[in-house]
Amino acid sequence: MLPSEWKRKKQAELNKPQVHKKISNTFIENVLHEKTLSAIKITYYLASVLKDLDFTKELNTIFIDTKDMLNYTELTMTDIKNNLKKMQKTSISFVEKDKFEEHISLLPRFKIHLGRKRQIEIDIYSKIAKQLLEVTERYTFINTKELMRLKSIHSIRLLPILHMINGYDVKQKTYTLEDLNSIFDTKYQRFSHLETFILKKAKEELDNNSTLTFNYEMNFEVLGTGRSKIVSATIEPTSKSNYQSTIFTNFDTESIKEKEELDRTKQILKDKLYCKKIKSEFNIDEQELMNEIKVFLDYCDKNNKEYKDIAKSFYTHLKNNPMRN
C-alpha cells in the first residue's frame, strides 16, 4: 500500500467508522526509493540469497560470495560498494494496525572482506528479509537482463509494479496523481504533465525493450458546464511475446564504441607486468579485473582522458581508489 493510499483510507475511516483491520505493507511499492538501476539489481540479488534465514531471530547475518554477486548482477565491485552504502540510508515503512511503524533500515550493517575469502557480510532484519523474499515468491521475478535494457529510471520503477498488477485477479489498478508521484518520486501538479513526461516515455521504452509493457486510460470527472478533469489513471499490464529492442537502433555507433573499448581492454591485458602487479596487490580475480577495467574505461570516456600508457594509468587509478586502500 502506498503512503498516499493509506492516507485516503485513514480519512475515509475518520468519516465513516468501521472495523479496523491489519493493513499489510506491499514492499514492491515502497522499496524503489533509490534512483539507480544498480540499487534495484542488488535488491533483487539479496532476495535470491535470503531463503535459508532463521526467521525466528530478529536480526540475521548473511555471508555473500563476492564473485557470485558480481556474476549475477553484472555490476562492478565499485558499484556494489557504493550502492550498499546508499542502501544503508534507505528505510522501509510498514503500515500495520492503522499506524506507521518507525522506519526500519534496509541494511543496518555490511562488512566487505578483502582477503582471500572475498565475502560480503550483511546484517538484515528478518522483517525486511521477508519482504524482500515476497518480491520473488509472490510476484513474477524481474529478469536482470530485462532491467539492463532499460535506460529510464521511471521505466525501471514501473516494471516491478506492472509485474505485481499482472498477478492480480483483475489485472489493472487505478492510481491518483498523488499515487503516481509517489511511485515515480516526482511532484507533478497536472496529470497531463505526468502523462507527457513519464507515462508516454515509459510505455515507449517498455514497448521496445520488455516482454511486459502496459496500456493506460485517463479517468475523467465531469465538473459541470461541459468541463471535465482527470482524476486518476488506470494502468493495465500487457504481455509481449516478441519485441524489437531499441538496443540496435544505433548499431553502427555502438559497434564502433564497443570495438574501441575492446582494443583498449586488450592493450591493458597485454601488459603482463602491470596485470600481475594489480592481481597481486589488490587480490583481484579475472572477473573483477574485467569489471574494474570497464569502470576505468567509462571514467576515461566521461572525462575525455587519453592515456599514453593505459595499463600504468589503470594501475594508478586503482591505487588511488580509497576503496582499495
C-alpha atoms as a PDB file:
ATOM      1  CA  MET A   1       0.000   0.000   0.000  1.00  0.00           C
ATOM      2  CA  LEU A   2       1.350   3.394  -0.981  1.00  0.00           C
ATOM      3  CA  PRO A   3       1.516   6.074   1.747  1.00  0.00           C
ATOM      4  CA  SER A   4      -0.943   8.143  -0.305  1.00  0.00           C
ATOM      5  CA  GLU A   5      -3.393   5.221  -0.375  1.00  0.00           C
ATOM      6  CA  TRP A   6      -3.031   4.761   3.373  1.00  0.00           C
ATOM      7  CA  LYS A   7      -3.788   8.441   3.986  1.00  0.00           C
ATOM      8  CA  ARG A   8      -7.000   8.180   1.954  1.00  0.00           C
ATOM      9  CA  LYS A   9      -8.007   5.073   3.866  1.00  0.00           C
ATOM     10  CA  LYS A  10      -7.416   6.859   7.163  1.00  0.00           C
ATOM     11  CA  GLN A  11      -9.500   9.824   6.018  1.00  0.00           C
ATOM     12  CA  ALA A  12     -12.322   7.501   4.985  1.00  0.00           C
ATOM     13  CA  GLU A  13     -12.211   5.856   8.408  1.00  0.00           C
ATOM     14  CA  LEU A  14     -12.491   9.228  10.097  1.00  0.00           C
ATOM     15  CA  ASN A  15     -15.571   9.999   8.024  1.00  0.00           C
ATOM     16  CA  LYS A  16     -17.127   6.568   8.459  1.00  0.00           C
ATOM     17  CA  PRO A  17     -16.215   4.414  11.484  1.00  0.00           C
ATOM     18  CA  GLN A  18     -15.555   0.752  10.643  1.00  0.00           C
ATOM     19  CA  VAL A  19     -13.859  -2.332  11.995  1.00  0.00           C
ATOM     20  CA  HIS A  20     -10.075  -1.859  11.913  1.00  0.00           C
ATOM     21  CA  LYS A  21      -8.077  -4.478  10.066  1.00  0.00           C
ATOM     22  CA  LYS A  22      -4.372  -5.005   9.689  1.00  0.00           C
ATOM     23  CA  ILE A  23      -3.022  -3.278   6.580  1.00  0.00           C
ATOM     24  CA  SER A  24      -0.201  -5.296   5.057  1.00  0.00           C
ATOM     25  CA  ASN A  25       2.745  -3.437   3.593  1.00  0.00           C
ATOM     26  CA  THR A  26       3.429  -4.023  -0.118  1.00  0.00           C
ATOM     27  CA  PHE A  27       7.180  -3.977  -0.298  1.00  0.00           C
ATOM     28  CA  ILE A  28       7.431  -3.656  -4.065  1.00  0.00           C
ATOM     29  CA  GLU A  29       5.644  -0.281  -3.980  1.00  0.00           C
ATOM     30  CA  ASN A  30       7.788   1.163  -1.200  1.00  0.00           C
ATOM     31  CA  VAL A  31      11.324  -0.142  -1.741  1.00  0.00           C
ATOM     32  CA  LEU A  32      12.242   1.578  -5.009  1.00  0.00           C
ATOM     33  CA  HIS A  33      13.408   4.851  -3.497  1.00  0.00           C
ATOM     34  CA  GLU A  34      16.882   4.581  -4.978  1.00  0.00           C
ATOM     35  CA  LYS A  35      17.132   6.161  -8.419  1.00  0.00           C
ATOM     36  CA  THR A  36      19.738   3.803  -9.859  1.00  0.00           C
ATOM     37  CA  LEU A  37      19.482   0.524 -11.684  1.00  0.00           C
ATOM     38  CA  SER A  38      22.359  -0.845  -9.595  1.00  0.00           C
ATOM     39  CA  ALA A  39      20.463  -0.443  -6.312  1.00  0.00           C
ATOM     40  CA  ILE A  40      17.430  -2.251  -7.698  1.00  0.00           C
ATOM     41  CA  LYS A  41      19.536  -5.114  -9.064  1.00  0.00           C
ATOM     42  CA  ILE A  42      21.280  -5.510  -5.707  1.00  0.00           C
ATOM     43  CA  THR A  43      17.874  -5.590  -4.010  1.00  0.00           C
ATOM     44  CA  TYR A  44      16.777  -8.473  -6.233  1.00  0.00           C
ATOM     45  CA  TYR A  45      20.060 -10.280  -5.689  1.00  0.00           C
ATOM     46  CA  LEU A  46      19.630 -10.080  -1.918  1.00  0.00           C
ATOM     47  CA  ALA A  47      16.158 -11.554  -2.272  1.00  0.00           C
ATOM     48  CA  SER A  48      17.696 -14.543  -4.053  1.00  0.00           C
ATOM     49  CA  VAL A  49      20.039 -15.423  -1.158  1.00  0.00           C
ATOM     50  CA  LEU A  50      17.765 -14.999   1.869  1.00  0.00           C
ATOM     51  CA  LYS A  51      15.712 -18.189   1.721  1.00  0.00           C
ATOM     52  CA  ASP A  52      17.605 -20.076   4.430  1.00  0.00           C
ATOM     53  CA  LEU A  53      17.490 -17.399   7.111  1.00  0.00           C
ATOM     54  CA  ASP A  54      16.383 -18.165  10.654  1.00  0.00           C
ATOM     55  CA  PHE A  55      13.250 -16.005  10.727  1.00  0.00           C
ATOM     56  CA  THR A  56      12.760 -16.656  14.439  1.00  0.00           C
ATOM     57  CA  LYS A  57      15.646 -14.232  15.017  1.00  0.00           C
ATOM     58  CA  GLU A  58      15.034 -10.509  14.805  1.00  0.00           C
ATOM     59  CA  LEU A  59      18.374  -9.852  13.105  1.00  0.00           C
ATOM     60  CA  ASN A  60      20.341 -12.177  10.824  1.00  0.00           C
ATOM     61  CA  THR A  61      23.871 -12.063   9.425  1.00  0.00           C
ATOM     62  CA  ILE A  62      24.488 -13.474   5.952  1.00  0.00           C
ATOM     63  CA  PHE A  63      27.724 -14.061   4.040  1.00  0.00           C
ATOM     64  CA  ILE A  64      27.699 -13.432   0.288  1.00  0.00           C
ATOM     65  CA  ASP A  65      30.284 -14.711  -2.161  1.00  0.00           C
ATOM     66  CA  THR A  66      31.558 -11.573  -3.905  1.00  0.00           C
ATOM     67  CA  LYS A  67      32.213 -13.369  -7.206  1.00  0.00           C
ATOM     68  CA  ASP A  68      28.699 -14.806  -7.259  1.00  0.00           C
ATOM     69  CA  MET A  69      27.204 -11.355  -6.658  1.00  0.00           C
ATOM     70  CA  LEU A  70      29.320  -9.827  -9.435  1.00  0.00           C
ATOM     71  CA  ASN A  71      28.260 -12.501 -11.910  1.00  0.00           C
ATOM     72  CA  TYR A  72      24.580 -12.307 -11.011  1.00  0.00           C
ATOM     73  CA  THR A  73      24.206  -8.532 -11.035  1.00  0.00           C
ATOM     74  CA  GLU A  74      26.741  -7.820 -13.809  1.00  0.00           C
ATOM     75  CA  LEU A  75      27.890  -4.854 -11.715  1.00  0.00           C
ATOM     76  CA  THR A  76      31.394  -3.814 -10.747  1.00  0.00           C
ATOM     77  CA  MET A  77      32.724  -4.085  -7.206  1.00  0.00           C
ATOM     78  CA  THR A  78      32.778  -0.298  -7.023  1.00  0.00           C
ATOM     79  CA  ASP A  79      29.070  -0.184  -7.960  1.00  0.00           C
ATOM     80  CA  ILE A  80      28.231  -2.743  -5.295  1.00  0.00           C
ATOM     81  CA  LYS A  81      30.174  -0.959  -2.543  1.00  0.00           C
ATOM     82  CA  ASN A  82      28.695   2.433  -3.356  1.00  0.00           C
ATOM     83  CA  ASN A  83      25.136   1.135  -3.569  1.00  0.00           C
ATOM     84  CA  LEU A  84      25.350  -0.893  -0.367  1.00  0.00           C
ATOM     85  CA  LYS A  85      26.293   2.381   1.342  1.00  0.00           C
ATOM     86  CA  LYS A  86      23.274   4.087  -0.199  1.00  0.00           C
ATOM     87  CA  MET A  87      21.001   1.221   0.811  1.00  0.00           C
ATOM     88  CA  GLN A  88      22.068   1.746   4.416  1.00  0.00           C
ATOM     89  CA  LYS A  89      20.343   5.123   4.185  1.00  0.00           C
ATOM     90  CA  THR A  90      17.149   3.533   2.819  1.00  0.00           C
ATOM     91  CA  SER A  91      14.449   2.718   5.341  1.00  0.00           C
ATOM     92  CA  ILE A  92      11.224   0.812   4.765  1.00  0.00           C
ATOM     93  CA  SER A  93       7.935   1.986   6.248  1.00  0.00           C
ATOM     94  CA  PHE A  94       5.315  -0.534   7.309  1.00  0.00           C
ATOM     95  CA  VAL A  95       1.637   0.243   7.844  1.00  0.00           C
ATOM     96  CA  GLU A  96       0.265  -2.030  10.499  1.00  0.00           C
ATOM     97  CA  LYS A  97      -2.685  -1.797  12.877  1.00  0.00           C
ATOM     98  CA  ASP A  98      -3.689   1.507  11.337  1.00  0.00           C
ATOM     99  CA  LYS A  99      -0.454   3.341  12.078  1.00  0.00           C
ATOM    100  CA  PHE A 100       3.020   3.687  10.616  1.00  0.00           C
ATOM    101  CA  GLU A 101       5.789   1.909  12.411  1.00  0.00           C
ATOM    102  CA  GLU A 102       9.151   3.515  12.730  1.00  0.00           C
ATOM    103  CA  HIS A 103      11.318   3.216   9.641  1.00  0.00           C
ATOM    104  CA  ILE A 104      13.419   0.061   9.550  1.00  0.00           C
ATOM    105  CA  SER A 105      16.822   0.287   7.872  1.00  0.00           C
ATOM    106  CA  LEU A 106      17.184  -1.890   4.785  1.00  0.00           C
ATOM    107  CA  LEU A 107      20.815  -2.760   5.619  1.00  0.00           C
ATOM    108  CA  PRO A 108      21.865  -1.861   9.178  1.00  0.00           C
ATOM    109  CA  ARG A 109      25.454  -3.082   8.632  1.00  0.00           C
ATOM    110  CA  PHE A 110      27.682  -4.590   5.972  1.00  0.00           C
ATOM    111  CA  LYS A 111      31.322  -5.607   6.019  1.00  0.00           C
ATOM    112  CA  ILE A 112      33.464  -6.320   2.962  1.00  0.00           C
ATOM    113  CA  HIS A 113      36.191  -8.922   3.471  1.00  0.00           C
ATOM    114  CA  LEU A 114      39.177  -8.004   1.305  1.00  0.00           C
ATOM    115  CA  GLY A 115      41.194 -11.149   1.968  1.00  0.00           C
ATOM    116  CA  ARG A 116      41.150 -14.389   0.014  1.00  0.00           C
ATOM    117  CA  LYS A 117      37.606 -15.214   1.116  1.00  0.00           C
ATOM    118  CA  ARG A 118      36.210 -12.330  -0.936  1.00  0.00           C
ATOM    119  CA  GLN A 119      32.960 -12.194   1.023  1.00  0.00           C
ATOM    120  CA  ILE A 120      30.455  -9.524   1.907  1.00  0.00           C
ATOM    121  CA  GLU A 121      28.934  -9.799   5.375  1.00  0.00           C
ATOM    122  CA  ILE A 122      25.481  -8.243   5.761  1.00  0.00           C
ATOM    123  CA  ASP A 123      23.121  -7.769   8.708  1.00  0.00           C
ATOM    124  CA  ILE A 124      19.430  -7.720   7.866  1.00  0.00           C
ATOM    125  CA  TYR A 125      16.263  -7.695   9.955  1.00  0.00           C
ATOM    126  CA  SER A 126      14.007 -10.707   9.454  1.00  0.00           C
ATOM    127  CA  LYS A 127      11.060  -8.417   8.849  1.00  0.00           C
ATOM    128  CA  ILE A 128      12.874  -6.773   5.932  1.00  0.00           C
ATOM    129  CA  ALA A 129      14.128 -10.126   4.630  1.00  0.00           C
ATOM    130  CA  LYS A 130      10.575 -11.475   4.482  1.00  0.00           C
ATOM    131  CA  GLN A 131       9.511  -8.503   2.384  1.00  0.00           C
ATOM    132  CA  LEU A 132      12.455  -8.999   0.041  1.00  0.00           C
ATOM    133  CA  LEU A 133      11.513 -12.641  -0.407  1.00  0.00           C
ATOM    134  CA  GLU A 134       7.933 -11.642  -1.119  1.00  0.00           C
ATOM    135  CA  VAL A 135       9.174  -9.901  -4.250  1.00  0.00           C
ATOM    136  CA  THR A 136      10.373 -13.182  -5.754  1.00  0.00           C
ATOM    137  CA  GLU A 137       7.890 -15.613  -4.232  1.00  0.00           C
ATOM    138  CA  ARG A 138       4.573 -13.787  -4.659  1.00  0.00           C
ATOM    139  CA  TYR A 139       5.292 -11.733  -7.736  1.00  0.00           C
ATOM    140  CA  THR A 140       6.859 -12.587 -11.053  1.00  0.00           C
ATOM    141  CA  PHE A 141      10.604 -12.271 -10.809  1.00  0.00           C
ATOM    142  CA  ILE A 142      12.062  -9.355 -12.733  1.00  0.00           C
ATOM    143  CA  ASN A 143      14.699 -10.606 -15.165  1.00  0.00           C
ATOM    144  CA  THR A 144      18.018  -8.842 -14.628  1.00  0.00           C
ATOM    145  CA  LYS A 145      18.718  -8.869 -18.382  1.00  0.00           C
ATOM    146  CA  GLU A 146      15.414  -7.104 -18.919  1.00  0.00           C
ATOM    147  CA  LEU A 147      16.333  -4.420 -16.411  1.00  0.00           C
ATOM    148  CA  MET A 148      19.695  -3.957 -18.140  1.00  0.00           C
ATOM    149  CA  ARG A 149      17.945  -2.878 -21.338  1.00  0.00           C
ATOM    150  CA  LEU A 150      16.126  -0.039 -19.635  1.00  0.00           C
ATOM    151  CA  LYS A 151      17.704   3.409 -19.507  1.00  0.00           C
ATOM    152  CA  SER A 152      14.940   5.393 -17.792  1.00  0.00           C
ATOM    153  CA  ILE A 153      14.565   5.192 -14.027  1.00  0.00           C
ATOM    154  CA  HIS A 154      10.820   5.698 -14.495  1.00  0.00           C
ATOM    155  CA  SER A 155      10.559   2.526 -16.586  1.00  0.00           C
ATOM    156  CA  ILE A 156      12.664   0.693 -14.004  1.00  0.00           C
ATOM    157  CA  ARG A 157      10.399   1.822 -11.162  1.00  0.00           C
ATOM    158  CA  LEU A 158       7.256   0.923 -13.090  1.00  0.00           C
ATOM    159  CA  LEU A 159       8.252  -2.543 -14.348  1.00  0.00           C
ATOM    160  CA  PRO A 160       8.109  -4.338 -10.948  1.00  0.00           C
ATOM    161  CA  ILE A 161       4.733  -2.743 -10.285  1.00  0.00           C
ATOM    162  CA  LEU A 162       3.449  -3.974 -13.665  1.00  0.00           C
ATOM    163  CA  HIS A 163       4.538  -7.486 -12.674  1.00  0.00           C
ATOM    164  CA  MET A 164       2.737  -7.060  -9.360  1.00  0.00           C
ATOM    165  CA  ILE A 165      -0.502  -5.909 -11.033  1.00  0.00           C
ATOM    166  CA  ASN A 166      -0.193  -8.740 -13.544  1.00  0.00           C
ATOM    167  CA  GLY A 167      -0.506 -11.151 -10.625  1.00  0.00           C
ATOM    168  CA  TYR A 168      -3.896  -9.728  -9.572  1.00  0.00           C
ATOM    169  CA  ASP A 169      -7.168 -11.450 -10.465  1.00  0.00           C
ATOM    170  CA  VAL A 170      -8.243  -8.192 -12.093  1.00  0.00           C
ATOM    171  CA  LYS A 171      -5.109  -7.234 -13.992  1.00  0.00           C
ATOM    172  CA  GLN A 172      -5.326  -3.482 -13.675  1.00  0.00           C
ATOM    173  CA  LYS A 173      -5.003  -0.833 -10.998  1.00  0.00           C
ATOM    174  CA  THR A 174      -6.178   2.764 -10.755  1.00  0.00           C
ATOM    175  CA  TYR A 175      -3.858   5.424  -9.365  1.00  0.00           C
ATOM    176  CA  THR A 176      -4.386   9.058  -8.409  1.00  0.00           C
ATOM    177  CA  LEU A 177      -1.870  11.748  -9.318  1.00  0.00           C
ATOM    178  CA  GLU A 178      -0.557  11.570  -5.756  1.00  0.00           C
ATOM    179  CA  ASP A 179      -0.068   7.808  -6.101  1.00  0.00           C
ATOM    180  CA  LEU A 180       1.865   8.145  -9.355  1.00  0.00           C
ATOM    181  CA  ASN A 181       4.032  10.933  -7.972  1.00  0.00           C
ATOM    182  CA  SER A 182       4.820   8.595  -5.078  1.00  0.00           C
ATOM    183  CA  ILE A 183       5.764   5.760  -7.463  1.00  0.00           C
ATOM    184  CA  PHE A 184       7.974   7.890  -9.707  1.00  0.00           C
ATOM    185  CA  ASP A 185       9.267  10.192  -6.951  1.00  0.00           C
ATOM    186  CA  THR A 186       8.009  13.257  -8.837  1.00  0.00           C
ATOM    187  CA  LYS A 187       5.950  16.338  -7.949  1.00  0.00           C
ATOM    188  CA  TYR A 188       3.749  16.951 -10.969  1.00  0.00           C
ATOM    189  CA  GLN A 189       0.729  19.149 -10.353  1.00  0.00           C
ATOM    190  CA  ARG A 190      -1.117  18.086 -13.502  1.00  0.00           C
ATOM    191  CA  PHE A 191      -1.926  14.675 -14.932  1.00  0.00           C
ATOM    192  CA  SER A 192      -1.210  15.986 -18.440  1.00  0.00           C
ATOM    193  CA  HIS A 193       2.403  16.737 -17.487  1.00  0.00           C
ATOM    194  CA  LEU A 194       2.925  13.378 -15.838  1.00  0.00           C
ATOM    195  CA  GLU A 195       1.438  11.648 -18.884  1.00  0.00           C
ATOM    196  CA  THR A 196       3.723  13.534 -21.300  1.00  0.00           C
ATOM    197  CA  PHE A 197       6.981  13.212 -19.389  1.00  0.00           C
ATOM    198  CA  ILE A 198       6.518   9.873 -17.607  1.00  0.00           C
ATOM    199  CA  LEU A 199       3.788   7.533 -18.835  1.00  0.00           C
ATOM    200  CA  LYS A 200       4.238   8.022 -22.591  1.00  0.00           C
ATOM    201  CA  LYS A 201       8.025   7.703 -22.403  1.00  0.00           C
ATOM    202  CA  ALA A 202       7.927   4.704 -20.080  1.00  0.00           C
ATOM    203  CA  LYS A 203       5.410   2.975 -22.359  1.00  0.00           C
ATOM    204  CA  GLU A 204       7.569   3.590 -25.422  1.00  0.00           C
ATOM    205  CA  GLU A 205      10.669   2.170 -23.753  1.00  0.00           C
ATOM    206  CA  LEU A 206       8.873  -0.877 -22.345  1.00  0.00           C
ATOM    207  CA  ASP A 207       7.154  -1.493 -25.697  1.00  0.00           C
ATOM    208  CA  ASN A 208      10.575  -1.766 -27.305  1.00  0.00           C
ATOM    209  CA  ASN A 209      12.630  -3.420 -24.579  1.00  0.00           C
ATOM    210  CA  SER A 210      10.458  -5.572 -22.344  1.00  0.00           C
ATOM    211  CA  THR A 211       8.252  -8.636 -22.530  1.00  0.00           C
ATOM    212  CA  LEU A 212       5.847  -6.807 -20.225  1.00  0.00           C
ATOM    213  CA  THR A 213       4.550  -3.348 -21.097  1.00  0.00           C
ATOM    214  CA  PHE A 214       1.268  -1.563 -20.354  1.00  0.00           C
ATOM    215  CA  ASN A 215      -1.715   0.395 -21.588  1.00  0.00           C
ATOM    216  CA  TYR A 216      -3.313   3.167 -19.592  1.00  0.00           C
ATOM    217  CA  GLU A 217      -6.534   5.140 -19.585  1.00  0.00           C
ATOM    218  CA  MET A 218      -7.182   8.534 -18.052  1.00  0.00           C
ATOM    219  CA  ASN A 219     -10.338   8.735 -15.948  1.00  0.00           C
ATOM    220  CA  PHE A 220     -12.302  11.997 -16.017  1.00  0.00           C
ATOM    221  CA  GLU A 221     -14.719  13.651 -13.614  1.00  0.00           C
ATOM    222  CA  VAL A 222     -17.356  15.986 -15.022  1.00  0.00           C
ATOM    223  CA  LEU A 223     -17.238  19.366 -13.272  1.00  0.00           C
ATOM    224  CA  GLY A 224     -20.302  20.881 -14.898  1.00  0.00           C
ATOM    225  CA  THR A 225     -20.953  23.123 -17.913  1.00  0.00           C
ATOM    226  CA  GLY A 226     -19.173  20.605 -20.103  1.00  0.00           C
ATOM    227  CA  ARG A 227     -15.863  20.858 -18.251  1.00  0.00           C
ATOM    228  CA  SER A 228     -14.018  17.772 -17.072  1.00  0.00           C
ATOM    229  CA  LYS A 229     -10.921  16.986 -15.031  1.00  0.00           C
ATOM    230  CA  ILE A 230      -8.581  13.973 -14.978  1.00  0.00           C
ATOM    231  CA  VAL A 231      -8.853  12.380 -11.535  1.00  0.00           C
ATOM    232  CA  SER A 232      -6.984   9.107 -11.981  1.00  0.00           C
ATOM    233  CA  ALA A 233      -5.232   6.787 -14.421  1.00  0.00           C
ATOM    234  CA  THR A 234      -5.910   3.076 -14.803  1.00  0.00           C
ATOM    235  CA  ILE A 235      -2.840   1.025 -15.715  1.00  0.00           C
ATOM    236  CA  GLU A 236      -3.194  -2.394 -17.336  1.00  0.00           C
ATOM    237  CA  PRO A 237      -0.113  -4.572 -17.988  1.00  0.00           C
ATOM    238  CA  THR A 238       0.153  -6.263 -21.394  1.00  0.00           C
ATOM    239  CA  SER A 239       2.487  -9.130 -22.244  1.00  0.00           C
ATOM    240  CA  LYS A 240       4.524  -9.253 -25.434  1.00  0.00           C
ATOM    241  CA  SER A 241       5.918 -12.499 -26.774  1.00  0.00           C
ATOM    242  CA  ASN A 242       8.016 -10.683 -29.392  1.00  0.00           C
ATOM    243  CA  TYR A 243       9.501  -7.218 -29.409  1.00  0.00           C
ATOM    244  CA  GLN A 244      12.175  -5.332 -31.304  1.00  0.00           C
ATOM    245  CA  SER A 245      14.693  -3.925 -28.874  1.00  0.00           C
ATOM    246  CA  THR A 246      15.891  -0.378 -29.446  1.00  0.00           C
ATOM    247  CA  ILE A 247      19.296  -1.581 -28.352  1.00  0.00           C
ATOM    248  CA  PHE A 248      20.052  -1.960 -32.071  1.00  0.00           C
ATOM    249  CA  THR A 249      18.819   1.497 -33.097  1.00  0.00           C
ATOM    250  CA  ASN A 250      22.325   2.932 -33.168  1.00  0.00           C
ATOM    251  CA  PHE A 251      24.076  -0.332 -34.016  1.00  0.00           C
ATOM    252  CA  ASP A 252      26.916   1.198 -36.039  1.00  0.00           C
ATOM    253  CA  THR A 253      27.754   3.792 -33.386  1.00  0.00           C
ATOM    254  CA  GLU A 254      27.585   1.218 -30.603  1.00  0.00           C
ATOM    255  CA  SER A 255      29.718  -1.232 -32.596  1.00  0.00           C
ATOM    256  CA  ILE A 256      32.459   1.371 -33.048  1.00  0.00           C
ATOM    257  CA  LYS A 257      32.367   2.239 -29.354  1.00  0.00           C
ATOM    258  CA  GLU A 258      32.489  -1.425 -28.335  1.00  0.00           C
ATOM    259  CA  LYS A 259      35.437  -2.060 -30.668  1.00  0.00           C
ATOM    260  CA  GLU A 260      37.371   0.875 -29.208  1.00  0.00           C
ATOM    261  CA  GLU A 261      36.686  -0.362 -25.686  1.00  0.00           C
ATOM    262  CA  LEU A 262      37.759  -3.889 -26.653  1.00  0.00           C
ATOM    263  CA  ASP A 263      41.005  -2.579 -28.154  1.00  0.00           C
ATOM    264  CA  ARG A 264      41.845  -0.610 -25.005  1.00  0.00           C
ATOM    265  CA  THR A 265      40.973  -3.605 -22.820  1.00  0.00           C
ATOM    266  CA  LYS A 266      43.329  -5.809 -24.842  1.00  0.00           C
ATOM    267  CA  GLN A 267      46.017  -3.139 -24.529  1.00  0.00           C
ATOM    268  CA  ILE A 268      45.762  -3.290 -20.736  1.00  0.00           C
ATOM    269  CA  LEU A 269      45.721  -7.096 -20.597  1.00  0.00           C
ATOM    270  CA  LYS A 270      48.775  -7.350 -22.864  1.00  0.00           C
ATOM    271  CA  ASP A 271      50.856  -5.545 -20.259  1.00  0.00           C
ATOM    272  CA  LYS A 272      51.737  -8.592 -18.166  1.00  0.00           C
ATOM    273  CA  LEU A 273      53.824  -6.568 -15.718  1.00  0.00           C
ATOM    274  CA  TYR A 274      51.012  -4.291 -14.538  1.00  0.00           C
ATOM    275  CA  CYS A 275      48.350  -7.003 -14.708  1.00  0.00           C
ATOM    276  CA  LYS A 276      50.481  -9.120 -12.398  1.00  0.00           C
ATOM    277  CA  LYS A 277      51.034  -6.171 -10.021  1.00  0.00           C
ATOM    278  CA  ILE A 278      47.306  -5.431  -9.965  1.00  0.00           C
ATOM    279  CA  LYS A 279      46.263  -9.017  -9.236  1.00  0.00           C
ATOM    280  CA  SER A 280      48.928  -9.353  -6.551  1.00  0.00           C
ATOM    281  CA  GLU A 281      48.487  -6.018  -4.762  1.00  0.00           C
ATOM    282  CA  PHE A 282      44.688  -5.828  -4.888  1.00  0.00           C
ATOM    283  CA  ASN A 283      43.871  -9.566  -4.792  1.00  0.00           C
ATOM    284  CA  ILE A 284      41.662  -9.241  -7.873  1.00  0.00           C
ATOM    285  CA  ASP A 285      40.450 -12.298  -9.792  1.00  0.00           C
ATOM    286  CA  GLU A 286      39.822 -12.355 -13.557  1.00  0.00           C
ATOM    287  CA  GLN A 287      36.134 -11.442 -13.314  1.00  0.00           C
ATOM    288  CA  GLU A 288      36.708  -8.478 -11.017  1.00  0.00           C
ATOM    289  CA  LEU A 289      39.673  -7.340 -13.131  1.00  0.00           C
ATOM    290  CA  MET A 290      37.442  -7.120 -16.214  1.00  0.00           C
ATOM    291  CA  ASN A 291      34.795  -5.246 -14.220  1.00  0.00           C
ATOM    292  CA  GLU A 292      37.345  -2.741 -12.921  1.00  0.00           C
ATOM    293  CA  ILE A 293      38.742  -2.198 -16.422  1.00  0.00           C
ATOM    294  CA  LYS A 294      35.247  -1.334 -17.629  1.00  0.00           C
ATOM    295  CA  VAL A 295      34.793   1.189 -14.798  1.00  0.00           C
ATOM    296  CA  PHE A 296      38.175   2.738 -15.625  1.00  0.00           C
ATOM    297  CA  LEU A 297      37.390   2.999 -19.352  1.00  0.00           C
ATOM    298  CA  ASP A 298      33.992   4.552 -18.593  1.00  0.00           C
ATOM    299  CA  TYR A 299      35.788   7.086 -16.401  1.00  0.00           C
ATOM    300  CA  CYS A 300      38.223   7.868 -19.246  1.00  0.00           C
ATOM    301  CA  ASP A 301      35.359   8.387 -21.695  1.00  0.00           C
ATOM    302  CA  LYS A 302      33.354  10.639 -19.393  1.00  0.00           C
ATOM    303  CA  ASN A 303      36.382  12.792 -18.562  1.00  0.00           C
ATOM    304  CA  ASN A 304      37.979  12.753 -22.040  1.00  0.00           C
ATOM    305  CA  LYS A 305      41.121  11.075 -20.717  1.00  0.00           C
ATOM    306  CA  GLU A 306      43.562   9.656 -23.265  1.00  0.00           C
ATOM    307  CA  TYR A 307      46.492   7.969 -21.570  1.00  0.00           C
ATOM    308  CA  LYS A 308      49.631   7.019 -23.487  1.00  0.00           C
ATOM    309  CA  ASP A 309      50.428   4.123 -21.154  1.00  0.00           C
ATOM    310  CA  ILE A 310      46.896   2.938 -20.379  1.00  0.00           C
ATOM    311  CA  ALA A 311      47.945  -0.103 -18.308  1.00  0.00           C
ATOM    312  CA  LYS A 312      50.083   2.055 -15.998  1.00  0.00           C
ATOM    313  CA  SER A 313      47.274   4.614 -15.726  1.00  0.00           C
ATOM    314  CA  PHE A 314      44.803   1.829 -14.866  1.00  0.00           C
ATOM    315  CA  TYR A 315      47.129   0.627 -12.103  1.00  0.00           C
ATOM    316  CA  THR A 316      47.441   4.195 -10.745  1.00  0.00           C
ATOM    317  CA  HIS A 317      43.662   4.584 -10.902  1.00  0.00           C
ATOM    318  CA  LEU A 318      43.186   1.517  -8.696  1.00  0.00           C
ATOM    319  CA  LYS A 319      45.981   2.541  -6.324  1.00  0.00           C
ATOM    320  CA  ASN A 320      44.389   5.963  -5.767  1.00  0.00           C
ATOM    321  CA  ASN A 321      40.953   4.474  -5.169  1.00  0.00           C
ATOM    322  CA  PRO A 322      40.249   4.839  -1.398  1.00  0.00           C
ATOM    323  CA  MET A 323      38.030   1.752  -1.549  1.00  0.00           C
ATOM    324  CA  ARG A 324      41.169  -0.279  -2.383  1.00  0.00           C
ATOM    325  CA  ASN A 325      43.267   1.063   0.467  1.00  0.00           C
END
